[in-house]
């Protein structure tokens, strides 16, 4: 699957975990350059984005729960 549309001798670069989480965080905010999006789309596999998105969403919800409990504690 990797490298299907690339010239011979060039391997597809894979995104590292930091790049995946950075791309997911940018998508949560909704701000992204077109060139950055194209770069991420070429390197990040859908499964990586889904897993990172679920982790970031869970952390976001957990932080909201902690914040609300802290603010409503007597």
Protein backbone atom coordinates (compact mmCIF):
# COMPACT_ATOMS: atom_id res chain seq x y z
CA UNK A 1 0.00 0.00 0.00
CA UNK A 2 2.75 2.45 0.83
CA UNK A 3 4.52 3.98 -2.12
CA UNK A 4 1.95 2.98 -4.75
CA UNK A 5 1.99 6.31 -6.60
CA UNK A 6 5.60 7.25 -5.94
CA UNK A 7 8.45 7.07 -8.44
CA UNK A 8 10.67 4.02 -8.21
CA UNK A 9 13.19 4.25 -5.38
CA UNK A 10 11.16 6.63 -3.23
CA UNK A 11 9.47 5.21 -0.17
CA UNK A 12 6.46 6.88 1.38
CA UNK A 13 7.32 8.73 4.56
CA UNK A 14 5.26 7.77 7.57
CA UNK A 15 4.12 10.23 10.18
CA UNK A 16 5.45 9.93 13.69
CA UNK A 17 3.22 10.07 16.75
CA UNK A 18 4.04 13.73 17.41
CA UNK A 19 3.06 14.76 13.89
CA UNK A 20 -0.20 12.81 14.16
CA UNK A 21 -1.15 14.40 17.49
CA UNK A 22 -0.20 17.85 16.21
CA UNK A 23 -2.43 17.37 13.16
CA UNK A 24 -5.31 16.16 15.33
CA UNK A 25 -4.96 19.13 17.69
CA UNK A 26 -4.94 21.52 14.72
CA UNK A 27 -8.11 19.90 13.45
CA UNK A 28 -9.76 20.28 16.86
CA UNK A 29 -9.02 24.01 16.71
CA UNK A 30 -10.05 24.24 13.06
CA UNK A 31 -7.07 26.24 11.81
CA UNK A 32 -4.72 24.72 9.25
CA UNK A 33 -2.69 25.85 6.25
CA UNK A 34 -3.41 24.11 2.98
CA UNK A 35 0.21 23.02 2.60
CA UNK A 36 0.25 21.58 6.12
CA UNK A 37 -2.97 19.70 5.44
CA UNK A 38 -1.60 18.25 2.21
CA UNK A 39 1.59 17.15 3.97
CA UNK A 40 -0.37 15.51 6.79
CA UNK A 41 -2.77 13.83 4.36
CA UNK A 42 0.16 12.29 2.52
CA UNK A 43 1.88 10.95 5.63
CA UNK A 44 -0.83 10.13 8.17
CA UNK A 45 -2.83 6.94 7.79
CA UNK A 46 -6.53 7.02 8.70
CA UNK A 47 -6.07 4.56 11.57
CA UNK A 48 -3.41 6.82 13.11
CA UNK A 49 -5.75 9.81 12.91
CA UNK A 50 -8.67 7.89 14.41
CA UNK A 51 -6.67 6.57 17.36
CA UNK A 52 -5.09 9.97 18.05
CA UNK A 53 -8.49 11.66 17.75
CA UNK A 54 -10.04 9.28 20.28
CA UNK A 55 -7.16 9.85 22.71
CA UNK A 56 -7.34 13.64 22.38
CA UNK A 57 -11.14 13.62 22.72
CA UNK A 58 -10.94 11.46 25.85
CA UNK A 59 -8.33 13.78 27.38
CA UNK A 60 -10.49 16.80 26.53
CA UNK A 61 -13.60 15.29 28.14
CA UNK A 62 -11.64 14.17 31.20
CA UNK A 63 -10.18 17.65 31.64
CA UNK A 64 -13.66 19.19 31.41
CA UNK A 65 -14.98 16.77 34.05
CA UNK A 66 -12.08 17.59 36.37
CA UNK A 67 -12.57 21.33 35.81
CA UNK A 68 -16.31 21.15 36.55
CA UNK A 69 -15.76 19.05 39.68
CA UNK A 70 -13.10 21.50 40.86
CA UNK A 71 -15.35 24.53 40.28
CA UNK A 72 -18.40 22.97 41.90
CA UNK A 73 -16.60 21.50 44.94
CA UNK A 74 -17.59 23.02 48.25
